[in-house]
Amino acid sequence: MDINDVRGLGTIFALIAFLGIIAWAYSSSRKTRFEDDADMIFKDEQIAQRTSDAEREKND
């Protein structure tokens, strides 16, 4: 077994790991969690808007 065999095995391992991560990320069981995470920034803006609206009403 020489260095080229080790490099080949390393490449195969990296490919399997990459495909595993892709399968994990695109699995249907994780879809709702990732969609919620993607909408998080909009939820933060809505909370900030409600807070500022409440402060304006309090000051009026």
C-alpha atoms as a PDB file:
ATOM      1  CA  MET A   1       0.000   0.000   0.000  1.00  0.00           C
ATOM      2  CA  ASP A   2       1.617   3.216  -1.088  1.00  0.00           C
ATOM      3  CA  ILE A   3       0.652   6.870  -0.720  1.00  0.00           C
ATOM      4  CA  ASN A   4      -1.583   6.836  -3.799  1.00  0.00           C
ATOM      5  CA  ASP A   5      -3.753   4.124  -2.254  1.00  0.00           C
ATOM      6  CA  VAL A   6      -4.112   6.219   0.898  1.00  0.00           C
ATOM      7  CA  ARG A   7      -5.052   9.278  -1.180  1.00  0.00           C
ATOM      8  CA  GLY A   8      -7.619   7.233  -3.085  1.00  0.00           C
ATOM      9  CA  LEU A   9      -9.179   5.957   0.139  1.00  0.00           C
ATOM     10  CA  GLY A  10      -9.204   9.500   1.524  1.00  0.00           C
ATOM     11  CA  THR A  11     -11.005  10.724  -1.576  1.00  0.00           C
ATOM     12  CA  ILE A  12     -13.588   7.955  -1.312  1.00  0.00           C
ATOM     13  CA  PHE A  13     -14.130   8.714   2.377  1.00  0.00           C
ATOM     14  CA  ALA A  14     -14.547  12.432   1.654  1.00  0.00           C
ATOM     15  CA  LEU A  15     -17.062  11.686  -1.116  1.00  0.00           C
ATOM     16  CA  ILE A  16     -19.093   9.415   1.163  1.00  0.00           C
ATOM     17  CA  ALA A  17     -19.066  12.046   3.925  1.00  0.00           C
ATOM     18  CA  PHE A  18     -20.139  14.763   1.464  1.00  0.00           C
ATOM     19  CA  LEU A  19     -22.997  12.645   0.115  1.00  0.00           C
ATOM     20  CA  GLY A  20     -24.073  11.856   3.671  1.00  0.00           C
ATOM     21  CA  ILE A  21     -24.223  15.543   4.558  1.00  0.00           C
ATOM     22  CA  ILE A  22     -26.204  16.290   1.402  1.00  0.00           C
ATOM     23  CA  ALA A  23     -28.651  13.469   2.192  1.00  0.00           C
ATOM     24  CA  TRP A  24     -29.026  14.767   5.752  1.00  0.00           C
ATOM     25  CA  ALA A  25     -29.583  18.376   4.665  1.00  0.00           C
ATOM     26  CA  TYR A  26     -32.157  17.544   2.016  1.00  0.00           C
ATOM     27  CA  SER A  27     -34.076  14.879   3.931  1.00  0.00           C
ATOM     28  CA  SER A  28     -37.777  15.578   4.200  1.00  0.00           C
ATOM     29  CA  SER A  29     -37.770  15.179   7.986  1.00  0.00           C
ATOM     30  CA  ARG A  30     -35.605  18.295   8.332  1.00  0.00           C
ATOM     31  CA  LYS A  31     -37.503  20.464   5.858  1.00  0.00           C
ATOM     32  CA  THR A  32     -39.786  22.166   8.376  1.00  0.00           C
ATOM     33  CA  ARG A  33     -36.918  22.966  10.734  1.00  0.00           C
ATOM     34  CA  PHE A  34     -34.847  24.529   7.974  1.00  0.00           C
ATOM     35  CA  GLU A  35     -37.835  26.525   6.716  1.00  0.00           C
ATOM     36  CA  ASP A  36     -38.434  27.841  10.242  1.00  0.00           C
ATOM     37  CA  ASP A  37     -34.763  28.747  10.542  1.00  0.00           C
ATOM     38  CA  ALA A  38     -34.895  30.559   7.202  1.00  0.00           C
ATOM     39  CA  ASP A  39     -37.911  32.618   8.349  1.00  0.00           C
ATOM     40  CA  MET A  40     -36.288  33.523  11.655  1.00  0.00           C
ATOM     41  CA  ILE A  41     -34.978  36.872  10.443  1.00  0.00           C
ATOM     42  CA  PHE A  42     -38.462  37.913   9.368  1.00  0.00           C
ATOM     43  CA  LYS A  43     -39.884  36.898  12.726  1.00  0.00           C
ATOM     44  CA  ASP A  44     -37.256  39.057  14.452  1.00  0.00           C
ATOM     45  CA  GLU A  45     -38.298  42.037  12.312  1.00  0.00           C
ATOM     46  CA  GLN A  46     -41.954  41.472  13.185  1.00  0.00           C
ATOM     47  CA  ILE A  47     -41.119  41.366  16.894  1.00  0.00           C
ATOM     48  CA  ALA A  48     -39.040  44.534  16.586  1.00  0.00           C
ATOM     49  CA  GLN A  49     -41.886  46.262  14.719  1.00  0.00           C
ATOM     50  CA  ARG A  50     -44.434  45.302  17.385  1.00  0.00           C
ATOM     51  CA  THR A  51     -42.087  46.512  20.118  1.00  0.00           C
ATOM     52  CA  SER A  52     -41.522  49.874  18.450  1.00  0.00           C
ATOM     53  CA  ASP A  53     -45.268  50.243  17.798  1.00  0.00           C
ATOM     54  CA  ALA A  54     -45.985  49.533  21.448  1.00  0.00           C
ATOM     55  CA  GLU A  55     -43.404  52.093  22.548  1.00  0.00           C
ATOM     56  CA  ARG A  56     -44.933  54.723  20.254  1.00  0.00           C
ATOM     57  CA  GLU A  57     -48.415  54.060  21.646  1.00  0.00           C
ATOM     58  CA  LYS A  58     -47.026  54.268  25.165  1.00  0.00           C
ATOM     59  CA  ASN A  59     -45.404  57.629  24.456  1.00  0.00           C
ATOM     60  CA  ASP A  60     -48.536  59.109  22.804  1.00  0.00           C
END
